[in-house]
Protein backbone atom coordinates (compact mmCIF):
# COMPACT_ATOMS: atom_id res chain seq x y z
CA MET A 1 1.44 34.21 -34.81
CA SER A 2 4.79 32.35 -34.68
CA ASN A 3 8.05 33.82 -35.68
CA PRO A 4 9.41 32.85 -39.11
CA PRO A 5 11.99 30.07 -39.26
CA ILE A 6 15.66 30.97 -39.29
CA PRO A 7 16.33 31.61 -42.96
CA SER A 8 18.62 29.21 -44.83
CA THR A 9 22.31 29.89 -44.09
CA ALA A 10 23.45 28.04 -47.29
CA ALA A 11 24.80 30.08 -50.16
CA GLN A 12 23.90 33.51 -48.95
CA GLY A 13 25.83 35.34 -51.65
CA THR A 14 29.46 36.34 -51.61
CA ALA A 15 31.63 36.71 -48.49
CA GLU A 16 31.73 40.44 -48.99
CA THR A 17 27.97 40.95 -48.39
CA ALA A 18 27.38 43.50 -45.72
CA SER A 19 26.54 42.29 -42.20
CA GLU A 20 22.91 42.16 -41.22
CA ILE A 21 23.75 42.46 -37.46
CA ASP A 22 25.86 44.75 -35.28
CA PRO A 23 29.31 43.12 -34.74
CA ILE A 24 29.09 43.10 -30.96
CA THR A 25 25.89 41.15 -30.84
CA ALA A 26 27.19 38.79 -33.60
CA GLU A 27 30.42 38.18 -31.55
CA ILE A 28 28.43 37.53 -28.31
CA ILE A 29 26.24 34.95 -30.15
CA ARG A 30 29.32 33.42 -31.86
CA ALA A 31 30.97 32.84 -28.51
CA ALA A 32 27.63 31.41 -27.21
CA PHE A 33 27.79 28.78 -29.93
CA VAL A 34 31.23 27.76 -28.88
CA SER A 35 30.20 27.67 -25.22
CA ILE A 36 27.21 25.52 -25.99
CA THR A 37 29.18 22.91 -27.83
CA GLY A 38 31.79 23.09 -25.15
CA GLU A 39 29.23 22.25 -22.51
CA MET A 40 27.82 19.40 -24.69
CA LYS A 41 31.32 18.02 -24.88
CA THR A 42 31.90 18.27 -21.12
CA ASN A 43 28.56 16.62 -20.22
CA LEU A 44 29.33 13.72 -22.60
CA MET A 45 32.71 13.14 -21.05
CA ARG A 46 31.39 13.26 -17.55
CA THR A 47 28.57 10.77 -18.16
CA ALA A 48 30.04 8.30 -20.62
CA TYR A 49 30.96 4.70 -19.49
CA ASN A 50 33.66 3.88 -21.86
CA LEU A 51 37.41 4.88 -21.47
CA ILE A 52 37.62 5.63 -25.14
CA ILE A 53 35.10 8.39 -24.75
CA TYR A 54 35.88 10.03 -21.34
CA GLU A 55 39.66 9.59 -21.55
CA ALA A 56 40.63 9.23 -25.17
CA GLN A 57 37.77 11.71 -26.24
CA ASP A 58 36.87 9.70 -29.37
CA PHE A 59 33.75 11.75 -30.04
CA THR A 60 32.39 15.01 -31.38
CA VAL A 61 29.38 17.11 -30.66
CA GLY A 62 27.89 19.98 -32.58
CA LEU A 63 25.20 22.48 -33.44
CA PHE A 64 23.86 22.65 -36.98
CA ASP A 65 21.31 24.89 -38.72
CA ALA A 66 17.96 23.68 -40.02
CA ASN A 67 19.63 22.48 -43.31
CA GLY A 68 22.37 20.41 -41.49
CA ASP A 69 25.12 22.99 -42.12
CA THR A 70 27.68 23.24 -39.30
CA ILE A 71 27.43 26.15 -36.87
CA SER A 72 29.94 24.99 -34.28
CA VAL A 73 31.46 21.74 -33.06
CA GLY A 74 33.02 20.95 -29.78
CA LEU A 75 36.73 20.39 -30.27
CA GLY A 76 37.22 16.89 -30.94
CA LEU A 77 38.11 14.62 -33.91
CA PRO A 78 38.44 16.79 -37.10
CA MET A 79 37.53 13.76 -39.18
CA PHE A 80 34.07 13.54 -37.46
CA VAL A 81 32.95 17.05 -38.51
CA GLY A 82 31.76 16.01 -41.99
CA GLY A 83 30.10 12.87 -40.59
CA LEU A 84 27.85 14.82 -38.27
CA SER A 85 26.68 17.23 -40.97
CA ASP A 86 26.24 14.58 -43.61
CA ALA A 87 24.32 12.35 -41.27
CA ILE A 88 21.91 15.21 -40.45
CA LYS A 89 21.41 15.98 -44.13
CA ALA A 90 20.80 12.25 -44.90
CA LYS A 91 18.19 12.05 -42.02
CA LEU A 92 16.50 15.19 -43.43
CA ALA A 93 16.42 13.63 -46.87
CA PHE A 94 15.07 10.36 -45.45
CA TYR A 95 12.19 11.70 -43.37
CA GLY A 96 11.61 15.08 -45.06
CA ARG A 97 11.33 18.25 -43.01
CA ASP A 98 7.65 17.49 -42.36
CA GLY A 99 8.50 13.97 -41.20
CA ILE A 100 10.58 15.21 -38.20
CA GLU A 101 8.60 16.23 -35.13
CA PRO A 102 9.36 17.76 -31.72
CA GLY A 103 10.73 15.11 -29.29
CA ASP A 104 12.20 12.88 -32.08
CA ILE A 105 15.82 11.72 -31.70
CA LEU A 106 17.30 10.22 -34.90
CA LEU A 107 20.03 7.53 -34.83
CA THR A 108 22.32 5.87 -37.34
CA ASN A 109 25.72 4.31 -37.63
CA ASP A 110 25.48 3.82 -41.45
CA ALA A 111 29.19 3.59 -42.45
CA TYR A 112 28.43 4.93 -45.97
CA ILE A 113 26.64 8.04 -44.70
CA MET A 114 29.20 9.03 -42.11
CA GLY A 115 32.20 7.64 -43.90
CA SER A 116 33.54 5.66 -40.98
CA HIS A 117 33.13 2.35 -39.20
CA LEU A 118 30.08 0.99 -37.36
CA ASN A 119 31.42 1.80 -33.93
CA HIS A 120 30.34 5.47 -34.37
CA MET A 121 26.81 6.08 -33.30
CA ILE A 122 25.29 9.36 -34.32
CA PHE A 123 22.39 10.73 -32.28
CA THR A 124 20.63 13.85 -33.71
CA LEU A 125 17.97 15.90 -31.90
CA PRO A 126 15.98 18.37 -33.97
CA ILE A 127 15.48 21.67 -32.19
CA PHE A 128 12.01 23.38 -32.54
CA HIS A 129 11.20 26.93 -31.54
CA ASP A 130 7.54 27.95 -31.57
CA GLY A 131 6.78 24.87 -33.62
CA GLU A 132 9.42 25.49 -36.36
CA LEU A 133 12.46 23.31 -36.93
CA VAL A 134 15.43 25.81 -36.46
CA ALA A 135 18.48 23.74 -35.67
CA PHE A 136 19.94 20.36 -34.77
CA ALA A 137 22.18 19.15 -31.90
CA ALA A 138 24.20 16.09 -32.70
CA SER A 139 26.70 13.72 -31.09
CA MET A 140 28.98 11.08 -32.62
CA ALA A 141 30.86 8.71 -30.26
CA HIS A 142 32.80 5.61 -30.51
CA TRP A 143 31.21 2.55 -28.83
CA ILE A 144 33.87 0.02 -27.78
CA ASP A 145 31.86 -2.83 -29.27
CA VAL A 146 29.01 -3.21 -31.82
CA GLY A 147 29.12 -6.88 -32.37
CA GLY A 148 30.66 -8.49 -35.46
CA VAL A 149 33.86 -10.65 -35.56
CA LEU A 150 36.37 -10.08 -32.80
CA GLY A 151 39.58 -10.07 -34.76
CA GLY A 152 41.22 -11.07 -37.99
CA THR A 153 40.39 -9.87 -41.41
CA THR A 154 37.00 -8.45 -42.55
CA THR A 155 36.21 -8.05 -46.24
CA ASP A 156 32.63 -6.74 -46.04
CA ILE A 157 30.54 -4.52 -43.80
CA TYR A 158 28.30 -7.35 -42.81
CA SER A 159 30.96 -9.03 -40.70
CA GLU A 160 31.90 -5.86 -38.84
CA GLY A 161 28.90 -5.51 -36.54
CA LEU A 162 25.44 -4.21 -36.10
CA GLN A 163 24.27 -1.80 -38.81
CA VAL A 164 21.64 0.72 -37.66
CA PRO A 165 19.94 2.44 -40.53
CA ILE A 166 18.34 5.83 -40.08
CA VAL A 167 15.74 5.37 -37.31
CA LYS A 168 13.88 7.34 -34.72
CA ILE A 169 15.14 6.01 -31.43
CA PHE A 170 12.79 8.52 -29.75
CA LYS A 171 9.47 9.35 -31.27
CA ARG A 172 7.68 12.47 -29.97
CA GLY A 173 9.66 12.16 -26.81
CA VAL A 174 9.09 8.48 -26.24
CA GLN A 175 11.98 6.03 -26.44
CA ASP A 176 11.45 3.09 -28.68
CA ASP A 177 12.13 0.21 -26.32
CA GLU A 178 12.13 -2.38 -29.08
CA LEU A 179 14.84 -0.73 -31.13
CA THR A 180 16.79 -0.12 -27.91
CA ARG A 181 16.62 -3.84 -26.96
CA LEU A 182 17.69 -4.79 -30.48
CA ILE A 183 20.73 -2.66 -30.20
CA ALA A 184 21.61 -3.79 -26.70
CA THR A 185 21.26 -7.49 -27.73
CA ASN A 186 23.82 -7.15 -30.49
CA VAL A 187 26.71 -5.69 -28.49
CA ARG A 188 29.03 -7.55 -26.13
CA PHE A 189 29.00 -5.01 -23.28
CA GLU A 190 25.41 -3.97 -22.94
CA ASP A 191 25.87 -1.98 -19.75
CA LEU A 192 28.72 0.09 -21.22
CA ALA A 193 26.84 0.63 -24.50
CA MET A 194 23.62 1.66 -22.88
CA GLY A 195 25.62 3.98 -20.62
CA ASP A 196 27.19 5.72 -23.59
CA PHE A 197 23.70 5.72 -25.21
CA ARG A 198 22.32 7.83 -22.30
CA ALA A 199 25.45 9.97 -22.23
CA GLN A 200 25.03 10.95 -25.94
CA ILE A 201 21.33 11.68 -25.35
CA ALA A 202 22.27 14.01 -22.39
CA ALA A 203 24.77 15.86 -24.53
CA ILE A 204 22.33 16.63 -27.33
CA ARG A 205 19.64 17.61 -24.83
CA THR A 206 22.15 20.01 -23.35
CA GLY A 207 22.56 21.53 -26.81
CA GLU A 208 18.91 21.87 -27.36
CA ALA A 209 18.32 23.55 -23.89
CA ARG A 210 21.14 26.07 -24.46
CA MET A 211 20.07 26.89 -28.04
CA LEU A 212 16.53 27.51 -26.89
CA GLU A 213 17.79 29.85 -24.18
CA LEU A 214 19.71 31.74 -26.82
CA LEU A 215 16.77 31.99 -29.06
CA GLY A 216 14.59 33.11 -26.23
CA ARG A 217 17.03 35.92 -25.30
CA TYR A 218 17.71 37.28 -28.80
CA GLY A 219 14.99 36.05 -30.95
CA ARG A 220 15.08 33.86 -34.08
CA ASP A 221 15.82 36.72 -36.53
CA VAL A 222 18.86 37.90 -34.63
CA VAL A 223 20.26 34.44 -34.04
CA GLY A 224 19.70 33.63 -37.73
CA ALA A 225 21.48 36.80 -38.82
CA SER A 226 24.37 35.93 -36.51
CA ILE A 227 24.79 32.49 -38.08
CA ARG A 228 24.81 34.07 -41.58
CA ASP A 229 27.38 36.62 -40.38
CA LEU A 230 29.49 33.85 -38.87
CA PHE A 231 29.51 32.07 -42.16
CA ARG A 232 30.23 35.24 -44.10
CA ARG A 233 33.16 36.31 -41.98
CA SER A 234 34.63 32.78 -41.91
CA GLU A 235 34.31 32.52 -45.64
CA ALA A 236 36.00 35.94 -46.18
CA LEU A 237 38.93 34.98 -44.01
CA ALA A 238 39.39 31.68 -45.81
CA ARG A 239 39.28 33.33 -49.24
CA GLN A 240 41.91 35.84 -48.07
CA ALA A 241 44.12 32.99 -46.95
CA VAL A 242 43.66 31.15 -50.33
CA ARG A 243 44.60 34.35 -52.32
CA ARG A 244 48.03 34.32 -50.59
CA ILE A 245 48.77 30.94 -52.16
CA PRO A 246 50.33 31.27 -55.62
CA ASP A 247 48.02 30.16 -58.37
CA GLY A 248 49.04 26.86 -59.88
CA ASP A 249 48.60 23.09 -60.04
CA TYR A 250 50.28 20.92 -57.39
CA HIS A 251 50.48 17.29 -56.76
CA ALA A 252 51.91 14.68 -54.38
CA GLU A 253 51.67 10.98 -53.72
CA ALA A 254 52.60 8.35 -51.21
CA PHE A 255 51.59 4.80 -50.51
CA MET A 256 50.16 2.57 -47.80
CA ASP A 257 51.72 -0.76 -46.90
CA ASP A 258 48.74 -2.90 -48.00
CA ASP A 259 44.99 -3.38 -47.36
CA GLY A 260 45.28 -6.09 -44.79
CA VAL A 261 44.33 -8.83 -47.27
CA ARG A 262 46.81 -8.51 -50.17
CA ILE A 263 49.77 -8.35 -47.87
CA GLY A 264 52.69 -6.38 -49.31
CA GLU A 265 50.66 -4.99 -52.15
CA ARG A 266 51.05 -1.23 -51.90
CA VAL A 267 48.01 1.00 -52.07
CA PRO A 268 48.70 4.38 -53.79
CA VAL A 269 47.60 7.73 -52.30
CA ARG A 270 47.55 10.45 -54.98
CA VAL A 271 46.42 14.08 -54.41
CA ARG A 272 46.12 17.00 -56.80
CA VAL A 273 45.69 20.58 -55.66
CA SER A 274 44.93 23.57 -57.83
CA VAL A 275 44.65 27.22 -56.70
CA ARG A 276 42.92 29.88 -58.68
CA ASP A 277 42.46 33.26 -57.09
CA ASP A 278 40.36 32.60 -53.90
CA VAL A 279 39.34 29.05 -54.71
CA MET A 280 41.26 25.76 -53.84
CA THR A 281 40.39 22.47 -55.51
CA ILE A 282 41.56 19.23 -53.90
CA ASP A 283 41.22 16.45 -56.49
CA LEU A 284 41.15 12.81 -55.07
CA SER A 285 40.11 11.21 -58.31
CA ALA A 286 43.52 9.43 -58.71
CA MET A 287 43.22 7.66 -55.31
CA SER A 288 43.37 3.85 -55.30
CA PRO A 289 40.07 2.11 -56.01
CA GLN A 290 38.44 0.69 -52.87
CA VAL A 291 40.29 -2.34 -51.55
CA ALA A 292 39.38 -5.80 -50.48
CA GLY A 293 40.52 -5.25 -46.92
CA TYR A 294 39.15 -3.15 -44.03
CA TYR A 295 40.92 0.17 -44.69
CA ASN A 296 38.27 1.71 -46.80
CA SER A 297 36.40 4.85 -45.79
CA GLY A 298 33.31 6.52 -47.16
CA GLU A 299 32.99 9.62 -49.21
CA THR A 300 32.37 11.77 -46.15
CA ALA A 301 35.77 10.73 -44.74
CA GLY A 302 37.51 11.58 -47.98
CA ARG A 303 35.95 14.95 -48.06
CA SER A 304 36.72 15.54 -44.38
CA ALA A 305 40.41 14.76 -44.96
CA ALA A 306 40.41 17.51 -47.71
CA GLN A 307 38.64 19.89 -45.37
CA VAL A 308 41.11 19.22 -42.51
CA ALA A 309 44.04 20.01 -44.78
CA PHE A 310 42.27 23.08 -46.07
CA LYS A 311 41.47 24.41 -42.62
CA CYS A 312 44.99 23.92 -41.40
CA LEU A 313 46.31 25.83 -44.28
CA THR A 314 43.75 28.73 -44.29
CA SER A 315 42.18 29.21 -40.88
CA PRO A 316 43.72 26.97 -38.19
CA GLY A 317 42.41 29.06 -35.31
CA GLY A 318 39.90 31.66 -34.52
CA TYR A 319 36.23 31.14 -35.41
CA PRO A 320 34.65 27.77 -34.57
CA ILE A 321 34.63 25.17 -37.35
CA ASN A 322 31.71 25.99 -39.55
CA ASP A 323 30.42 25.60 -43.13
CA GLY A 324 31.26 29.12 -44.09
CA GLU A 325 35.06 28.59 -43.92
CA LEU A 326 34.86 25.66 -46.30
CA ARG A 327 33.05 27.44 -49.12
CA PRO A 328 36.29 28.38 -50.97
CA LEU A 329 37.15 24.68 -51.13
CA GLN A 330 36.01 22.45 -54.00
CA ILE A 331 36.59 18.65 -53.77
CA VAL A 332 36.66 16.20 -56.59
CA LEU A 333 35.96 12.77 -55.36
CA PRO A 334 34.37 10.15 -57.51
CA PRO A 335 32.69 7.08 -55.86
CA GLY A 336 34.44 3.81 -55.51
CA THR A 337 37.80 5.00 -54.25
CA VAL A 338 39.55 3.93 -51.03
CA VAL A 339 38.27 7.12 -49.48
CA SER A 340 34.80 7.05 -51.19
CA ALA A 341 34.06 3.38 -50.87
CA ARG A 342 30.67 1.85 -51.78
CA LYS A 343 28.73 -0.93 -50.03
CA PRO A 344 29.59 -3.61 -49.14
CA ALA A 345 33.27 -2.51 -48.68
CA ALA A 346 34.81 -3.33 -45.35
CA MET A 347 35.26 -0.10 -43.19
CA ARG A 348 36.53 -1.38 -39.93
CA TRP A 349 39.86 0.66 -40.04
CA TRP A 350 38.54 3.63 -41.93
CA MET A 351 40.60 6.36 -40.37
CA THR A 352 44.10 5.35 -41.54
CA TYR A 353 44.34 6.28 -45.20
CA PRO A 354 42.72 9.74 -44.91
CA MET A 355 45.51 10.75 -42.61
CA THR A 356 48.01 10.30 -45.41
CA VAL A 357 45.68 12.23 -47.70
CA VAL A 358 46.15 15.27 -45.41
CA ASP A 359 49.89 14.76 -45.36
CA CYS A 360 49.98 14.67 -49.16
CA VAL A 361 48.06 17.91 -49.51
CA PHE A 362 50.73 19.52 -47.28
CA ARG A 363 53.41 17.86 -49.37
CA ALA A 364 51.78 19.10 -52.66
CA LEU A 365 51.85 22.72 -51.46
CA SER A 366 55.26 22.58 -49.68
CA GLU A 367 57.08 24.38 -52.52
CA ALA A 368 54.33 27.05 -52.91
CA LEU A 369 54.10 27.58 -49.12
CA PRO A 370 57.48 26.58 -47.71
CA ASP A 371 56.77 28.55 -44.46
CA HIS A 372 53.19 27.22 -43.91
CA THR A 373 53.52 23.50 -44.50
CA ILE A 374 54.84 20.62 -42.44
CA ALA A 375 56.92 17.47 -43.14
CA GLY A 376 55.27 14.09 -43.01
CA HIS A 377 54.13 12.59 -39.77
CA TYR A 378 53.64 8.97 -38.55
CA ALA A 379 49.98 9.09 -39.62
CA ASP A 380 48.62 6.23 -37.49
CA LEU A 381 46.81 5.60 -34.15
CA GLY A 382 49.19 2.86 -33.10
CA LEU A 383 46.24 0.83 -31.87
CA THR A 384 46.34 -2.82 -30.76
CA TYR A 385 43.30 -4.99 -29.80
CA THR A 386 43.85 -7.58 -27.02
CA TYR A 387 40.99 -9.75 -25.99
CA GLY A 388 40.09 -13.09 -24.39
CA ILE A 389 38.77 -14.71 -21.27
CA ASP A 390 40.53 -13.53 -18.07
CA GLU A 391 41.58 -16.77 -16.58
CA ARG A 392 41.44 -15.31 -13.01
CA THR A 393 37.83 -14.16 -13.27
CA GLY A 394 36.29 -16.12 -16.15
CA ARG A 395 35.02 -12.86 -17.76
CA PHE A 396 35.51 -11.75 -21.35
CA PHE A 397 37.63 -8.58 -21.79
CA GLN A 398 38.66 -6.33 -24.67
CA TYR A 399 41.61 -4.01 -24.25
CA LEU A 400 41.98 -1.31 -26.89
CA GLY A 401 45.66 -0.25 -26.59
CA GLY A 402 46.13 3.43 -27.73
CA PRO A 403 45.74 5.83 -29.35
CA GLN A 404 49.49 6.20 -28.93
CA GLY A 405 51.50 9.40 -29.74
CA GLY A 406 53.97 9.69 -32.53
CA GLY A 407 56.08 12.34 -34.18
CA TRP A 408 54.93 15.24 -36.31
CA GLY A 409 56.95 16.74 -39.06
CA ALA A 410 59.21 19.77 -38.65
CA THR A 411 58.42 23.09 -40.15
CA SER A 412 60.64 25.80 -41.72
CA GLY A 413 61.06 27.35 -38.31
CA ALA A 414 60.58 24.71 -35.59
CA ASP A 415 61.22 21.11 -34.62
CA GLY A 416 58.30 18.79 -34.89
CA GLN A 417 56.06 17.82 -31.90
CA SER A 418 56.86 14.58 -30.13
CA ALA A 419 54.43 11.97 -28.75
CA THR A 420 51.47 13.77 -30.36
CA ILE A 421 48.24 12.12 -31.60
CA CYS A 422 47.92 11.96 -35.37
CA ILE A 423 46.41 14.77 -37.33
CA ASN A 424 42.92 13.69 -38.13
CA ASP A 425 42.26 12.64 -34.51
CA GLY A 426 42.77 16.19 -33.17
CA ASP A 427 41.98 16.23 -29.47
CA THR A 428 42.02 12.49 -28.94
CA HIS A 429 44.01 11.63 -25.80
CA ASN A 430 45.92 8.59 -24.78
CA ALA A 431 44.54 7.16 -21.56
CA PRO A 432 46.76 7.51 -18.46
CA VAL A 433 48.70 4.24 -17.69
CA GLU A 434 47.24 4.24 -14.13
CA VAL A 435 43.62 4.41 -15.45
CA THR A 436 44.25 1.75 -18.05
CA GLU A 437 45.74 -0.65 -15.56
CA ALA A 438 42.88 -0.05 -13.10
CA LYS A 439 40.29 -0.73 -15.78
CA TYR A 440 42.27 -3.69 -17.24
CA PRO A 441 44.10 -5.50 -14.37
CA MET A 442 44.93 -8.40 -16.78
CA ILE A 443 47.53 -6.16 -18.43
CA THR A 444 50.56 -4.07 -17.24
CA VAL A 445 52.03 -1.22 -19.23
CA GLU A 446 55.73 -1.75 -18.51
CA GLU A 447 57.08 1.12 -20.67
CA TYR A 448 55.77 4.22 -22.37
CA ALA A 449 58.74 6.30 -23.60
CA LEU A 450 60.00 8.48 -26.36
CA ARG A 451 61.74 6.53 -29.12
CA ARG A 452 65.33 7.74 -29.74
CA ASP A 453 66.41 8.52 -33.25
CA SER A 454 62.78 8.19 -34.53
CA GLY A 455 62.51 11.82 -35.68
CA GLY A 456 63.86 12.73 -39.16
CA ALA A 457 67.10 14.66 -39.09
CA GLY A 458 67.07 18.24 -40.36
CA THR A 459 67.97 21.78 -39.70
CA PHE A 460 64.71 21.46 -37.76
CA ARG A 461 64.31 17.93 -36.42
CA GLY A 462 61.17 15.94 -36.76
CA GLY A 463 59.24 15.04 -33.61
CA LEU A 464 59.96 11.66 -31.91
CA GLY A 465 57.59 8.72 -31.79
CA THR A 466 56.91 6.56 -28.74
CA ARG A 467 57.36 3.06 -27.65
CA MET A 468 54.81 1.19 -25.55
CA LYS A 469 55.35 -2.18 -23.95
CA VAL A 470 52.41 -4.09 -22.68
CA ARG A 471 52.46 -7.42 -20.79
CA VAL A 472 49.45 -9.71 -20.43
CA HIS A 473 48.74 -11.80 -17.33
CA THR A 474 46.35 -14.19 -18.92
CA ALA A 475 46.07 -15.98 -22.23
CA ALA A 476 44.73 -13.66 -24.84
CA ARG A 477 44.70 -12.80 -28.60
CA LEU A 478 46.31 -9.82 -30.30
CA ASP A 479 45.30 -7.91 -33.32
CA SER A 480 46.99 -4.91 -34.80
CA TRP A 481 46.11 -2.75 -37.84
CA ILE A 482 49.16 -0.44 -37.73
CA GLU A 483 50.15 1.17 -41.14
CA ARG A 484 53.04 3.06 -42.61
CA THR A 485 55.59 0.47 -41.48
CA VAL A 486 57.25 0.65 -44.85
CA GLY A 487 56.50 4.15 -46.07
CA ARG A 488 58.51 6.57 -43.94
CA PRO A 489 57.31 9.97 -42.94
CA TRP A 490 59.07 12.24 -45.41
CA GLY A 491 61.31 15.18 -44.88
CA LEU A 492 61.11 18.50 -46.77
CA SER A 493 63.69 20.89 -48.18
CA ASP A 494 66.54 18.22 -47.82
CA GLY A 495 65.30 17.08 -44.44
CA LEU A 496 65.52 13.33 -43.87
CA ASP A 497 62.71 10.84 -43.49
CA ALA A 498 61.72 9.71 -40.10
CA ALA A 499 61.55 6.15 -38.67
CA PRO A 500 58.41 4.25 -39.71
CA ASN A 501 55.89 2.53 -37.34
CA ALA A 502 56.61 -1.01 -36.04
CA ILE A 503 55.23 -3.75 -33.80
CA ARG A 504 56.73 -6.85 -32.29
CA VAL A 505 55.90 -9.52 -29.66
CA GLU A 506 58.30 -10.55 -26.91
CA ARG A 507 57.43 -13.94 -25.57
CA ALA A 508 57.83 -14.80 -21.84
CA ASP A 509 60.60 -17.27 -22.76
CA GLY A 510 62.69 -14.42 -24.42
CA ARG A 511 61.84 -15.12 -28.02
CA GLU A 512 60.85 -12.21 -30.23
CA VAL A 513 58.34 -12.21 -33.06
CA HIS A 514 58.77 -9.50 -35.63
CA PHE A 515 56.32 -8.67 -38.41
CA GLY A 516 56.93 -7.54 -41.97
CA ASN A 517 54.19 -5.02 -41.54
CA GLY A 518 51.86 -3.86 -38.75
CA LYS A 519 49.00 -6.36 -39.39
CA VAL A 520 48.81 -8.89 -36.63
CA GLN A 521 45.79 -11.10 -36.83
CA THR A 522 44.40 -13.27 -33.99
CA LEU A 523 47.90 -14.02 -32.64
CA ASP A 524 47.77 -16.13 -29.52
CA LEU A 525 49.52 -14.70 -26.42
CA ALA A 526 50.32 -16.64 -23.28
CA ALA A 527 50.47 -15.19 -19.82
CA GLY A 528 53.72 -13.21 -19.58
CA ASP A 529 54.03 -12.29 -23.20
CA CYS A 530 54.40 -8.62 -24.25
CA HIS A 531 53.57 -6.70 -27.40
CA VAL A 532 55.71 -3.64 -28.14
CA VAL A 533 54.50 -0.80 -30.42
CA GLU A 534 57.03 1.65 -31.69
CA LEU A 535 55.51 4.57 -33.54
CA GLY A 536 57.44 6.54 -36.11
CA GLY A 537 58.57 10.17 -35.93
CA GLY A 538 58.11 13.24 -38.15
CA GLY A 539 60.12 14.12 -41.13
CA GLY A 540 62.91 16.69 -40.82
CA PHE A 541 63.04 20.18 -42.53
CA GLY A 542 66.16 21.56 -44.11
CA PRO A 543 69.66 20.02 -44.42
CA PRO A 544 70.74 18.32 -41.11
CA HIS A 545 74.35 19.69 -41.28
CA GLU A 546 72.79 23.19 -40.95
CA ARG A 547 71.35 22.38 -37.48
CA PRO A 548 73.40 24.21 -34.89
CA ALA A 549 75.81 21.87 -33.18
CA GLU A 550 74.61 23.10 -29.72
CA ARG A 551 71.12 22.02 -30.64
CA VAL A 552 72.38 18.54 -31.65
CA LEU A 553 74.29 18.36 -28.31
CA ALA A 554 71.07 19.21 -26.45
CA ASP A 555 69.24 16.44 -28.36
CA VAL A 556 71.91 13.85 -27.41
CA ARG A 557 71.74 14.95 -23.71
CA ALA A 558 68.00 14.66 -23.77
CA ASP A 559 68.36 11.17 -25.37
CA TYR A 560 66.29 12.34 -28.40
CA VAL A 561 69.31 11.53 -30.67
CA SER A 562 72.12 9.03 -30.26
CA ALA A 563 75.70 10.01 -30.48
CA GLU A 564 76.02 7.74 -33.51
CA ALA A 565 73.14 9.50 -35.30
CA ALA A 566 74.61 12.92 -34.38
CA LEU A 567 77.85 11.93 -36.11
CA GLU A 568 76.42 10.15 -39.10
CA LEU A 569 73.41 12.43 -39.87
CA TYR A 570 74.28 15.82 -38.39
CA ALA A 571 78.15 15.73 -38.75
CA VAL A 572 78.48 16.61 -35.12
CA ALA A 573 80.93 14.66 -33.01
CA VAL A 574 79.52 14.33 -29.48
CA VAL A 575 81.64 12.56 -26.88
CA LYS A 576 81.67 12.11 -23.09
CA ASP A 577 84.24 13.92 -21.02
CA HIS A 578 86.03 12.45 -18.08
CA GLU A 579 83.02 13.29 -15.86
CA GLY A 580 80.66 11.41 -18.19
CA VAL A 581 79.07 14.57 -19.56
CA TRP A 582 78.34 14.80 -23.21
CA ARG A 583 80.39 17.54 -24.96
CA ILE A 584 80.97 18.66 -28.59
CA ASP A 585 84.31 17.68 -29.99
CA GLU A 586 84.84 21.07 -31.70
CA GLU A 587 87.85 20.07 -33.79
CA ALA A 588 86.30 16.79 -35.13
CA THR A 589 82.95 18.61 -35.76
CA ALA A 590 84.67 21.41 -37.64
CA ALA A 591 86.46 18.95 -39.86
CA LEU A 592 83.24 16.97 -40.54
CA ARG A 593 81.25 20.08 -41.42
CA SER A 594 83.89 21.66 -43.49
CA GLY A 595 84.02 18.59 -45.63
């Protein structure tokens, strides 16, 4: 007689329900979940073919219960968490529990299920124990190419590449060669895509093997009780954190430059947050309707943005990311907004607007939680896309520049972080220059440096953005989707706004081409031309004139702040002495600050 399946972990009563398992065993199994997803992540990185996976870490792996609820995810992109869970639930709904068999592996890149663009392939492996479906292992990773148009503007999903509906890429352990060939035929770099295909399969098989080992050691009942205990404890901690927020209704808004089609027409981002006892509601119903351009994202991405903000405010560390800690959060998100778009909306640059949603949630709660929120950040990946035929080899190439670090906002007690990846991309890394140039000999990264004066001035200064200068050695085309070139990252509590994002092209003959916003579409580059991406900083916190003069001096010496900005923004006179060393002019500074 087989063991009963792991009972449902969804809605198991209140967070105060007594634990079904001793805490030591529960903690051991909790740590095992973290270890399993960590090993899945490591194996994917070690076996992937694309730089964007093994260096930039543009992927996420996870374990989920039999209902698709999140048990643990390998640290990666926060915005991917909802996509994995929602994709599993969609696959369950499509096939039914009885339609999924041992040995099956399910695949989709449906933009409206996972909320993001078609480059994200989600592989899901159902885990069976004694014939019963007990869990899922899943992996979502960014493929460098899935067909579609190379550059320019897209206005519907059909032009953006290969759409893979929910399919079984493996059936009862046998790979479907016809589906595999169909996918391989529709991508530009078949060898790289199929390498990443195999790497994602290896990652989820790792999750399956380790989960079965855990079930074999402790039994299904104990592991199921541990999952419920994990959810219960996570929920309890999150509710405690919500109770510390004053009850009330809060709101904030910002705007995006445009949608890439209606250039210069601002797109509003509006967020409402209400807190009642131990429940927080994030209302995104006032967001802009979905747009004509390629900045839309699906409902999963909109909800994920709310979840990222909620987790940062309530439980930024500790337990692995799981469904339990999100139970105190209610999300209002009607269909058809820019973060809940419906087909056939273009989704190519899906990730940009949700970042500002997270920033706005923090902004909305900044007065209620002045010591637990953060000023605005640069909120973009700073990506460029350079492609063409390498004249020296005759081979097609695609160079995805970035992600590039920018500045994060200051807090009530600390300067913002500099050169850090934007919030929704979490553990995404920028590829080392040496690796990039080795992989793409047709380009040279001539500069990657901190951008002076980009951080917002304040008692606590915003973090600095970066500047990257890339020269091409062959004719190519350039595309850029950089946002927030008009809307500056905001300061809080009288802190000043930071510098916005920017991009320009420096021609080989010395001419410069500047752009009114960050959208560059199929711009021809000649050998010797450069593109320069300057990412913004983070907003400042508190009045700039209250920043200690010694700290302003240290910023000038480090070349974070210019002497001119020190004088104008901080009322600190910094001059060079006869030895060329920066010093504070005490008399002039006292006069400036006393006025």
